[in-house]
N, C-alpha and C. Protein backbone atom coordinates (compact mmCIF):
# COMPACT_ATOMS: atom_id res chain seq x y z
N ARG A 1 97.04 63.21 61.08
CA ARG A 1 96.30 64.12 61.95
C ARG A 1 97.25 64.79 62.93
N GLN A 2 98.06 64.00 63.62
CA GLN A 2 98.99 64.54 64.60
C GLN A 2 100.06 65.41 63.93
N ALA A 3 100.54 64.98 62.77
CA ALA A 3 101.56 65.75 62.06
C ALA A 3 101.01 67.09 61.60
N CYS A 4 99.81 67.09 61.06
CA CYS A 4 99.18 68.36 60.63
C CYS A 4 98.99 69.28 61.83
N ALA A 5 98.53 68.74 62.94
CA ALA A 5 98.32 69.54 64.15
C ALA A 5 99.64 70.15 64.62
N LYS A 6 100.70 69.37 64.59
CA LYS A 6 102.01 69.87 65.03
C LYS A 6 102.51 70.99 64.11
N ILE A 7 102.39 70.79 62.80
CA ILE A 7 102.84 71.80 61.83
C ILE A 7 102.09 73.11 62.03
N LEU A 8 100.78 73.03 62.21
CA LEU A 8 99.97 74.24 62.35
C LEU A 8 100.15 74.89 63.72
N ALA A 9 100.35 74.08 64.75
CA ALA A 9 100.59 74.64 66.08
C ALA A 9 101.91 75.41 66.10
N GLU A 10 102.91 74.93 65.36
CA GLU A 10 104.18 75.65 65.27
C GLU A 10 104.02 77.01 64.61
N GLU A 11 102.97 77.16 63.80
CA GLU A 11 102.67 78.44 63.14
C GLU A 11 101.84 79.36 64.04
N GLY A 12 101.49 78.87 65.23
CA GLY A 12 100.71 79.68 66.15
C GLY A 12 99.22 79.44 66.10
N ALA A 13 98.79 78.45 65.35
CA ALA A 13 97.36 78.15 65.24
C ALA A 13 96.88 77.41 66.47
N CYS A 14 95.66 77.67 66.84
CA CYS A 14 94.99 76.91 67.90
C CYS A 14 94.32 75.73 67.20
N VAL A 15 94.80 74.52 67.48
CA VAL A 15 94.38 73.35 66.72
C VAL A 15 93.62 72.37 67.62
N GLU A 16 92.53 71.87 67.11
CA GLU A 16 91.80 70.78 67.76
C GLU A 16 91.73 69.64 66.76
N ILE A 17 91.85 68.42 67.27
CA ILE A 17 91.80 67.27 66.37
C ILE A 17 90.63 66.37 66.77
N ALA A 18 90.16 65.62 65.79
CA ALA A 18 89.07 64.67 66.01
C ALA A 18 89.43 63.38 65.31
N GLU A 19 89.16 62.27 65.99
CA GLU A 19 89.53 60.97 65.43
C GLU A 19 88.57 60.45 64.37
N ASP A 20 87.38 61.08 64.28
CA ASP A 20 86.45 60.68 63.23
C ASP A 20 85.51 61.85 62.90
N GLY A 21 84.71 61.67 61.87
CA GLY A 21 83.83 62.73 61.41
C GLY A 21 82.79 63.15 62.42
N ARG A 22 82.24 62.20 63.16
CA ARG A 22 81.20 62.51 64.15
C ARG A 22 81.77 63.37 65.27
N VAL A 23 82.96 63.05 65.77
CA VAL A 23 83.60 63.85 66.82
C VAL A 23 83.94 65.24 66.27
N GLY A 24 84.41 65.29 65.04
CA GLY A 24 84.70 66.59 64.41
C GLY A 24 83.46 67.45 64.31
N TRP A 25 82.33 66.83 63.94
CA TRP A 25 81.06 67.54 63.82
C TRP A 25 80.61 68.08 65.18
N GLU A 26 80.74 67.27 66.23
CA GLU A 26 80.35 67.70 67.58
C GLU A 26 81.23 68.87 68.04
N LYS A 27 82.52 68.80 67.77
CA LYS A 27 83.43 69.90 68.15
C LYS A 27 83.08 71.17 67.38
N ALA A 28 82.75 71.02 66.11
CA ALA A 28 82.42 72.19 65.29
C ALA A 28 81.15 72.88 65.79
N LYS A 29 80.21 72.10 66.31
CA LYS A 29 78.96 72.69 66.80
C LYS A 29 79.18 73.51 68.06
N THR A 30 80.20 73.16 68.85
CA THR A 30 80.41 73.86 70.11
C THR A 30 81.56 74.86 70.07
N SER A 31 82.39 74.82 69.05
CA SER A 31 83.53 75.73 68.94
C SER A 31 83.40 76.57 67.68
N GLY A 32 83.95 77.74 67.71
CA GLY A 32 83.93 78.60 66.53
C GLY A 32 85.21 78.44 65.72
N PHE A 33 85.19 77.53 64.78
CA PHE A 33 86.38 77.30 63.96
C PHE A 33 86.42 78.25 62.77
N ASP A 34 87.61 78.61 62.35
CA ASP A 34 87.80 79.41 61.14
C ASP A 34 88.06 78.52 59.93
N LEU A 35 88.67 77.34 60.19
CA LEU A 35 89.09 76.47 59.11
C LEU A 35 89.00 75.02 59.58
N ALA A 36 88.65 74.14 58.68
CA ALA A 36 88.60 72.70 58.99
C ALA A 36 89.36 71.94 57.92
N LEU A 37 90.25 71.05 58.37
CA LEU A 37 90.92 70.11 57.49
C LEU A 37 90.16 68.80 57.59
N ILE A 38 89.67 68.31 56.47
CA ILE A 38 88.76 67.16 56.49
C ILE A 38 89.31 66.05 55.61
N ASP A 39 89.52 64.89 56.23
CA ASP A 39 89.92 63.71 55.47
C ASP A 39 88.65 63.08 54.91
N LEU A 40 88.71 62.62 53.69
CA LEU A 40 87.52 62.00 53.09
C LEU A 40 87.19 60.65 53.71
N LYS A 41 88.20 59.89 54.06
CA LYS A 41 87.99 58.53 54.61
C LYS A 41 88.10 58.59 56.13
N MET A 42 86.94 58.66 56.79
CA MET A 42 86.90 58.67 58.26
C MET A 42 85.80 57.73 58.72
N PRO A 43 85.98 57.14 59.91
CA PRO A 43 84.90 56.32 60.45
C PRO A 43 83.75 57.19 60.97
N GLN A 44 82.63 56.60 61.24
CA GLN A 44 81.43 57.24 61.80
C GLN A 44 80.73 58.18 60.81
N MET A 45 81.47 59.11 60.24
CA MET A 45 80.91 60.06 59.27
C MET A 45 82.04 60.39 58.28
N ASP A 46 81.81 60.15 57.00
CA ASP A 46 82.90 60.42 56.05
C ASP A 46 83.04 61.91 55.77
N GLY A 47 84.09 62.26 55.07
CA GLY A 47 84.40 63.66 54.81
C GLY A 47 83.35 64.40 54.00
N MET A 48 82.71 63.75 53.05
CA MET A 48 81.68 64.40 52.24
C MET A 48 80.47 64.78 53.09
N GLU A 49 80.08 63.88 53.98
CA GLU A 49 78.95 64.17 54.86
C GLU A 49 79.32 65.31 55.83
N LEU A 50 80.53 65.26 56.36
CA LEU A 50 80.99 66.32 57.26
C LEU A 50 81.05 67.66 56.54
N LEU A 51 81.51 67.67 55.29
CA LEU A 51 81.52 68.90 54.49
C LEU A 51 80.13 69.51 54.42
N HIS A 52 79.15 68.68 54.14
CA HIS A 52 77.77 69.13 54.03
C HIS A 52 77.29 69.75 55.35
N HIS A 53 77.51 69.05 56.45
CA HIS A 53 77.05 69.54 57.76
C HIS A 53 77.77 70.83 58.15
N LEU A 54 79.06 70.89 57.91
CA LEU A 54 79.82 72.11 58.27
C LEU A 54 79.35 73.31 57.45
N GLY A 55 79.01 73.08 56.19
CA GLY A 55 78.51 74.15 55.34
C GLY A 55 77.19 74.71 55.84
N GLU A 56 76.34 73.84 56.38
CA GLU A 56 75.08 74.30 56.95
C GLU A 56 75.30 75.05 58.25
N LEU A 57 76.30 74.61 59.03
CA LEU A 57 76.60 75.23 60.32
C LEU A 57 77.17 76.63 60.14
N ASP A 58 78.14 76.77 59.24
CA ASP A 58 78.80 78.06 59.01
C ASP A 58 79.22 78.13 57.54
N PRO A 59 78.45 78.82 56.70
CA PRO A 59 78.79 78.89 55.28
C PRO A 59 80.15 79.55 55.01
N ASP A 60 80.64 80.35 55.95
CA ASP A 60 81.93 81.02 55.76
C ASP A 60 83.12 80.22 56.28
N LEU A 61 82.85 79.08 56.91
CA LEU A 61 83.94 78.24 57.40
C LEU A 61 84.75 77.73 56.21
N VAL A 62 86.05 77.87 56.28
CA VAL A 62 86.91 77.40 55.19
C VAL A 62 87.17 75.91 55.41
N LYS A 63 86.86 75.12 54.39
CA LYS A 63 86.99 73.68 54.49
C LYS A 63 88.00 73.20 53.44
N ILE A 64 89.05 72.55 53.93
CA ILE A 64 90.07 71.99 53.03
C ILE A 64 90.02 70.48 53.15
N VAL A 65 89.85 69.81 52.03
CA VAL A 65 89.78 68.35 52.00
C VAL A 65 91.18 67.79 51.81
N ILE A 66 91.51 66.83 52.66
CA ILE A 66 92.78 66.11 52.56
C ILE A 66 92.44 64.66 52.28
N THR A 67 93.09 64.07 51.29
CA THR A 67 92.78 62.67 51.00
C THR A 67 93.95 61.95 50.34
N GLY A 68 94.04 60.70 50.67
CA GLY A 68 95.01 59.82 50.01
C GLY A 68 94.37 59.13 48.81
N TYR A 69 93.09 59.38 48.59
CA TYR A 69 92.34 58.75 47.49
C TYR A 69 91.85 59.83 46.53
N ALA A 70 92.75 60.65 46.09
CA ALA A 70 92.38 61.78 45.23
C ALA A 70 92.00 61.32 43.83
N THR A 71 90.79 61.72 43.42
CA THR A 71 90.34 61.51 42.05
C THR A 71 89.67 62.79 41.59
N LEU A 72 89.51 62.93 40.33
CA LEU A 72 88.83 64.10 39.78
C LEU A 72 87.39 64.15 40.27
N GLU A 73 86.75 63.00 40.37
CA GLU A 73 85.36 62.95 40.81
C GLU A 73 85.21 63.42 42.26
N THR A 74 86.12 62.94 43.14
CA THR A 74 86.01 63.36 44.55
C THR A 74 86.34 64.84 44.70
N ALA A 75 87.27 65.34 43.89
CA ALA A 75 87.60 66.77 43.95
C ALA A 75 86.40 67.61 43.54
N ILE A 76 85.73 67.22 42.47
CA ILE A 76 84.54 67.95 42.00
C ILE A 76 83.44 67.89 43.05
N GLU A 77 83.20 66.71 43.58
CA GLU A 77 82.15 66.56 44.59
C GLU A 77 82.46 67.39 45.84
N ALA A 78 83.72 67.39 46.26
CA ALA A 78 84.11 68.16 47.45
C ALA A 78 83.88 69.65 47.24
N VAL A 79 84.25 70.15 46.08
CA VAL A 79 84.04 71.58 45.78
C VAL A 79 82.55 71.89 45.71
N GLN A 80 81.78 71.00 45.12
CA GLN A 80 80.33 71.20 45.07
C GLN A 80 79.71 71.23 46.45
N LYS A 81 80.29 70.52 47.40
CA LYS A 81 79.77 70.50 48.76
C LYS A 81 80.37 71.59 49.63
N GLY A 82 81.16 72.48 49.02
CA GLY A 82 81.64 73.65 49.76
C GLY A 82 83.10 73.65 50.16
N ALA A 83 83.89 72.71 49.66
CA ALA A 83 85.31 72.70 49.99
C ALA A 83 85.99 73.90 49.33
N TYR A 84 86.86 74.55 50.07
CA TYR A 84 87.63 75.67 49.54
C TYR A 84 88.82 75.15 48.73
N ASP A 85 89.43 74.08 49.22
CA ASP A 85 90.63 73.54 48.57
C ASP A 85 90.65 72.03 48.74
N TYR A 86 91.53 71.40 47.98
CA TYR A 86 91.63 69.95 47.92
C TYR A 86 93.10 69.61 47.92
N LEU A 87 93.56 68.91 48.94
CA LEU A 87 94.98 68.64 49.11
C LEU A 87 95.22 67.12 49.11
N PRO A 88 95.74 66.58 48.00
CA PRO A 88 95.99 65.13 47.97
C PRO A 88 97.25 64.76 48.77
N LYS A 89 97.18 63.59 49.41
CA LYS A 89 98.33 63.07 50.15
C LYS A 89 99.24 62.35 49.16
N PRO A 90 100.51 62.29 49.38
CA PRO A 90 101.26 62.99 50.42
C PRO A 90 101.49 64.45 50.02
N PHE A 91 101.64 65.31 51.02
CA PHE A 91 101.92 66.73 50.80
C PHE A 91 103.01 67.16 51.76
N THR A 92 103.65 68.25 51.44
CA THR A 92 104.74 68.75 52.29
C THR A 92 104.17 69.70 53.34
N PRO A 93 104.91 69.90 54.42
CA PRO A 93 104.47 70.87 55.42
C PRO A 93 104.25 72.27 54.82
N ASN A 94 105.08 72.65 53.88
CA ASN A 94 104.92 73.97 53.25
C ASN A 94 103.63 74.05 52.44
N GLU A 95 103.27 72.96 51.76
CA GLU A 95 102.01 72.95 51.02
C GLU A 95 100.84 73.13 51.98
N LEU A 96 100.89 72.45 53.12
CA LEU A 96 99.83 72.57 54.12
C LEU A 96 99.76 74.00 54.65
N ARG A 97 100.92 74.55 55.03
CA ARG A 97 100.95 75.92 55.57
C ARG A 97 100.39 76.92 54.55
N THR A 98 100.78 76.79 53.30
CA THR A 98 100.33 77.71 52.26
C THR A 98 98.83 77.63 52.07
N ARG A 99 98.30 76.43 51.98
CA ARG A 99 96.86 76.27 51.77
C ARG A 99 96.06 76.80 52.97
N VAL A 100 96.55 76.53 54.16
CA VAL A 100 95.86 77.01 55.36
C VAL A 100 95.94 78.52 55.44
N ARG A 101 97.09 79.08 55.15
CA ARG A 101 97.25 80.55 55.18
C ARG A 101 96.29 81.22 54.18
N ARG A 102 96.24 80.68 52.97
CA ARG A 102 95.32 81.23 51.96
C ARG A 102 93.86 81.08 52.40
N GLY A 103 93.55 79.94 52.98
CA GLY A 103 92.19 79.71 53.46
C GLY A 103 91.81 80.69 54.56
N LEU A 104 92.73 80.94 55.48
CA LEU A 104 92.45 81.88 56.57
C LEU A 104 92.32 83.31 56.04
N GLU A 105 93.11 83.65 55.03
CA GLU A 105 92.97 84.98 54.40
C GLU A 105 91.59 85.11 53.77
N ARG A 106 91.14 84.06 53.13
CA ARG A 106 89.80 84.07 52.53
C ARG A 106 88.74 84.25 53.60
N ARG A 107 88.89 83.53 54.69
CA ARG A 107 87.93 83.64 55.80
C ARG A 107 87.88 85.07 56.32
N PHE A 108 89.06 85.66 56.51
CA PHE A 108 89.11 87.04 57.00
C PHE A 108 88.40 87.97 56.02
N LEU A 109 88.66 87.80 54.74
CA LEU A 109 88.03 88.67 53.73
C LEU A 109 86.52 88.48 53.68
N LEU A 110 86.06 87.24 53.79
CA LEU A 110 84.61 86.97 53.81
C LEU A 110 83.94 87.63 55.01
N LEU A 111 84.55 87.48 56.18
CA LEU A 111 83.97 88.06 57.38
C LEU A 111 84.02 89.59 57.35
N GLU A 112 85.09 90.14 56.80
CA GLU A 112 85.20 91.60 56.70
C GLU A 112 84.16 92.14 55.71
N ALA A 113 83.96 91.45 54.59
CA ALA A 113 82.94 91.87 53.62
C ALA A 113 81.55 91.80 54.24
N LYS A 114 81.29 90.75 55.00
CA LYS A 114 80.01 90.60 55.68
C LYS A 114 79.80 91.73 56.69
N ARG A 115 80.84 92.04 57.46
CA ARG A 115 80.75 93.12 58.45
C ARG A 115 80.48 94.45 57.76
N LEU A 116 81.17 94.71 56.66
CA LEU A 116 80.98 95.97 55.93
C LEU A 116 79.57 96.06 55.34
N ARG A 117 79.05 94.94 54.82
CA ARG A 117 77.67 94.93 54.30
C ARG A 117 76.67 95.25 55.40
N GLU A 118 76.86 94.61 56.55
CA GLU A 118 75.94 94.85 57.68
C GLU A 118 76.05 96.29 58.16
N GLU A 119 77.25 96.83 58.21
CA GLU A 119 77.44 98.22 58.62
C GLU A 119 76.78 99.17 57.62
N ARG A 120 76.95 98.90 56.33
CA ARG A 120 76.33 99.73 55.30
C ARG A 120 74.81 99.69 55.42
N GLU A 121 74.26 98.50 55.61
CA GLU A 121 72.80 98.37 55.76
C GLU A 121 72.31 99.11 56.99
N ARG A 122 73.06 99.01 58.09
CA ARG A 122 72.69 99.72 59.31
C ARG A 122 72.74 101.24 59.09
N ASN A 123 73.80 101.71 58.41
CA ASN A 123 73.92 103.14 58.13
C ASN A 123 72.81 103.64 57.21
N LEU A 124 72.47 102.84 56.19
CA LEU A 124 71.39 103.22 55.28
C LEU A 124 70.05 103.28 56.01
N LEU A 125 69.83 102.35 56.91
CA LEU A 125 68.60 102.36 57.69
C LEU A 125 68.54 103.59 58.60
N GLU A 126 69.65 103.90 59.26
CA GLU A 126 69.70 105.10 60.11
C GLU A 126 69.47 106.36 59.28
N LEU A 127 70.07 106.42 58.11
CA LEU A 127 69.91 107.58 57.23
C LEU A 127 68.46 107.72 56.77
N ALA A 128 67.84 106.61 56.39
CA ALA A 128 66.45 106.64 55.95
C ALA A 128 65.53 107.06 57.09
N THR A 129 65.80 106.58 58.28
CA THR A 129 64.99 106.95 59.45
C THR A 129 65.13 108.43 59.73
N GLU A 130 66.36 108.94 59.69
CA GLU A 130 66.59 110.36 59.95
C GLU A 130 65.94 111.22 58.87
N LYS A 131 66.06 110.80 57.61
CA LYS A 131 65.45 111.53 56.51
C LYS A 131 63.93 111.59 56.67
N SER A 132 63.35 110.46 57.03
CA SER A 132 61.90 110.39 57.24
C SER A 132 61.48 111.29 58.39
N ARG A 133 62.25 111.28 59.46
CA ARG A 133 61.95 112.11 60.63
C ARG A 133 62.00 113.60 60.26
N ILE A 134 63.03 113.99 59.53
CA ILE A 134 63.17 115.40 59.14
C ILE A 134 62.04 115.81 58.20
N GLN A 135 61.72 114.95 57.24
CA GLN A 135 60.64 115.28 56.31
C GLN A 135 59.30 115.42 57.04
N THR A 136 59.06 114.56 58.00
CA THR A 136 57.82 114.66 58.77
C THR A 136 57.76 115.97 59.53
N ILE A 137 58.85 116.32 60.17
CA ILE A 137 58.90 117.59 60.92
C ILE A 137 58.68 118.78 59.99
N MET A 138 59.38 118.77 58.85
CA MET A 138 59.29 119.89 57.91
C MET A 138 57.88 120.00 57.32
N GLN A 139 57.26 118.86 57.01
CA GLN A 139 55.92 118.90 56.42
C GLN A 139 54.87 119.37 57.42
N CYS A 140 55.08 119.07 58.69
CA CYS A 140 54.09 119.41 59.72
C CYS A 140 54.29 120.80 60.32
N MET A 141 55.34 121.48 59.96
CA MET A 141 55.60 122.81 60.51
C MET A 141 54.52 123.80 60.05
N GLY A 142 54.21 124.74 60.93
CA GLY A 142 53.27 125.79 60.57
C GLY A 142 53.93 126.86 59.72
N ASP A 143 55.25 126.98 59.83
CA ASP A 143 55.99 127.95 59.03
C ASP A 143 56.25 127.38 57.65
N GLY A 144 56.23 128.27 56.66
CA GLY A 144 56.50 127.84 55.30
C GLY A 144 58.00 127.66 55.09
N VAL A 145 58.36 126.54 54.49
CA VAL A 145 59.77 126.25 54.19
C VAL A 145 59.87 125.90 52.72
N LEU A 146 60.69 126.67 52.00
CA LEU A 146 60.95 126.40 50.60
C LEU A 146 62.46 126.43 50.44
N VAL A 147 63.02 125.35 49.94
CA VAL A 147 64.47 125.22 49.80
C VAL A 147 64.80 125.06 48.33
N THR A 148 65.80 125.84 47.88
CA THR A 148 66.28 125.71 46.50
C THR A 148 67.78 125.42 46.53
N ASN A 149 68.28 124.92 45.41
CA ASN A 149 69.72 124.76 45.29
C ASN A 149 70.27 126.04 44.65
N ARG A 150 71.55 126.10 44.37
CA ARG A 150 72.14 127.33 43.83
C ARG A 150 71.69 127.64 42.41
N ASN A 151 71.08 126.66 41.74
CA ASN A 151 70.53 126.89 40.40
C ASN A 151 69.06 127.30 40.45
N GLN A 152 68.59 127.60 41.63
CA GLN A 152 67.21 128.01 41.89
C GLN A 152 66.20 126.94 41.46
N GLN A 153 66.59 125.69 41.68
CA GLN A 153 65.66 124.59 41.48
C GLN A 153 65.11 124.22 42.86
N VAL A 154 63.82 124.00 42.94
CA VAL A 154 63.19 123.70 44.22
C VAL A 154 63.55 122.29 44.65
N VAL A 155 64.09 122.21 45.85
CA VAL A 155 64.50 120.93 46.42
C VAL A 155 63.45 120.45 47.41
N PHE A 156 62.86 121.39 48.15
CA PHE A 156 61.85 121.04 49.14
C PHE A 156 60.87 122.19 49.29
N CYS A 157 59.61 121.87 49.45
CA CYS A 157 58.57 122.88 49.68
C CYS A 157 57.48 122.23 50.51
N ASN A 158 57.31 122.72 51.76
CA ASN A 158 56.30 122.08 52.61
C ASN A 158 54.91 122.66 52.32
N LEU A 159 53.90 122.06 52.92
CA LEU A 159 52.51 122.43 52.68
C LEU A 159 52.25 123.89 53.07
N ALA A 160 52.82 124.33 54.19
CA ALA A 160 52.62 125.72 54.64
C ALA A 160 53.17 126.70 53.61
N ALA A 161 54.31 126.42 53.01
CA ALA A 161 54.89 127.31 52.00
C ALA A 161 54.02 127.32 50.75
N ARG A 162 53.49 126.18 50.37
CA ARG A 162 52.62 126.14 49.19
C ARG A 162 51.36 126.97 49.42
N ARG A 163 50.82 126.92 50.63
CA ARG A 163 49.64 127.73 50.94
C ARG A 163 49.99 129.22 50.97
N LEU A 164 51.09 129.57 51.63
CA LEU A 164 51.49 130.98 51.75
C LEU A 164 51.77 131.61 50.39
N LEU A 165 52.41 130.85 49.52
CA LEU A 165 52.79 131.37 48.22
C LEU A 165 51.75 131.06 47.14
N ASN A 166 50.66 130.42 47.54
CA ASN A 166 49.60 130.06 46.62
C ASN A 166 50.17 129.25 45.44
N LEU A 167 50.95 128.21 45.78
CA LEU A 167 51.59 127.38 44.75
C LEU A 167 50.71 126.18 44.44
N ARG A 168 50.82 125.73 43.22
CA ARG A 168 50.07 124.56 42.82
C ARG A 168 50.69 123.30 43.43
N SER A 169 49.88 122.29 43.58
CA SER A 169 50.37 120.99 44.05
C SER A 169 50.01 119.97 42.99
N PRO A 170 50.69 118.94 42.76
CA PRO A 170 52.00 118.68 43.32
C PRO A 170 53.10 119.39 42.53
N TRP A 171 54.25 119.49 43.10
CA TRP A 171 55.41 120.07 42.44
C TRP A 171 56.46 118.97 42.33
N GLN A 172 57.37 119.14 41.41
CA GLN A 172 58.41 118.14 41.19
C GLN A 172 59.75 118.64 41.73
N PRO A 173 60.47 117.85 42.51
CA PRO A 173 61.80 118.26 42.94
C PRO A 173 62.67 118.55 41.72
N GLY A 174 63.42 119.63 41.78
CA GLY A 174 64.28 120.03 40.66
C GLY A 174 63.61 121.01 39.73
N GLU A 175 62.32 121.29 39.98
CA GLU A 175 61.58 122.24 39.15
C GLU A 175 62.14 123.65 39.40
N PRO A 176 62.33 124.45 38.34
CA PRO A 176 62.84 125.82 38.54
C PRO A 176 61.86 126.66 39.37
N LEU A 177 62.40 127.42 40.29
CA LEU A 177 61.59 128.26 41.17
C LEU A 177 60.73 129.22 40.35
N ALA A 178 61.27 129.73 39.26
CA ALA A 178 60.56 130.70 38.43
C ALA A 178 59.30 130.10 37.82
N GLN A 179 59.23 128.78 37.64
CA GLN A 179 58.03 128.14 37.12
C GLN A 179 56.97 127.95 38.20
N MET A 180 57.38 128.04 39.43
CA MET A 180 56.44 127.84 40.54
C MET A 180 55.92 129.16 41.09
N VAL A 181 56.79 130.16 41.12
CA VAL A 181 56.45 131.45 41.74
C VAL A 181 56.54 132.53 40.66
N GLU A 182 55.52 133.35 40.59
CA GLU A 182 55.49 134.39 39.56
C GLU A 182 56.04 135.73 40.06
N ASP A 183 56.39 135.85 41.31
CA ASP A 183 56.87 137.09 41.91
C ASP A 183 58.39 137.20 41.74
N PRO A 184 58.88 138.07 40.80
CA PRO A 184 60.32 138.19 40.55
C PRO A 184 61.08 138.67 41.79
N GLU A 185 60.44 139.49 42.59
CA GLU A 185 61.10 139.99 43.80
C GLU A 185 61.35 138.84 44.78
N PHE A 186 60.37 137.96 44.92
CA PHE A 186 60.52 136.80 45.79
C PHE A 186 61.62 135.88 45.26
N ILE A 187 61.64 135.69 43.96
CA ILE A 187 62.64 134.82 43.34
C ILE A 187 64.04 135.39 43.59
N GLN A 188 64.18 136.70 43.46
CA GLN A 188 65.48 137.35 43.70
C GLN A 188 65.89 137.18 45.14
């Protein structure tokens, strides 16, 4: 624990240590961690239980399991409970640095993807609200509004325009203007 903390602190990481799983869980609830190194064999709360709790607390938290009792079964169980990586003891300082660096890169990418999704959803909502507002204004106008694209396909036609031009309802967006209006001069 102390050696890992020293290695990571030398890399500029802000490191907190816990002597057992319960203390680690309490610290995680009050601090915003990006990554957790979890030993499987701990008093009070073992690593598998801590993995489960940390996953519920923050699904994007990167969890790396460290163990001196590495087996295929524990590796599979750890991954199933949300571990990002599995580091059997003994390991070198470079192995630890590499795994932590990769884990932090993953965390950054997950958070950035989440931020971009939220921004996209917010932008789509704003766009839909603005579109709805404009359509309401255009439909309620007393003036007739008929909009076509450069191919003379009707893109928008409000109720006032349909009344003024004696157009049938309903009309389909993309319908050629010539099929809606019989006046060649108006079409021109």
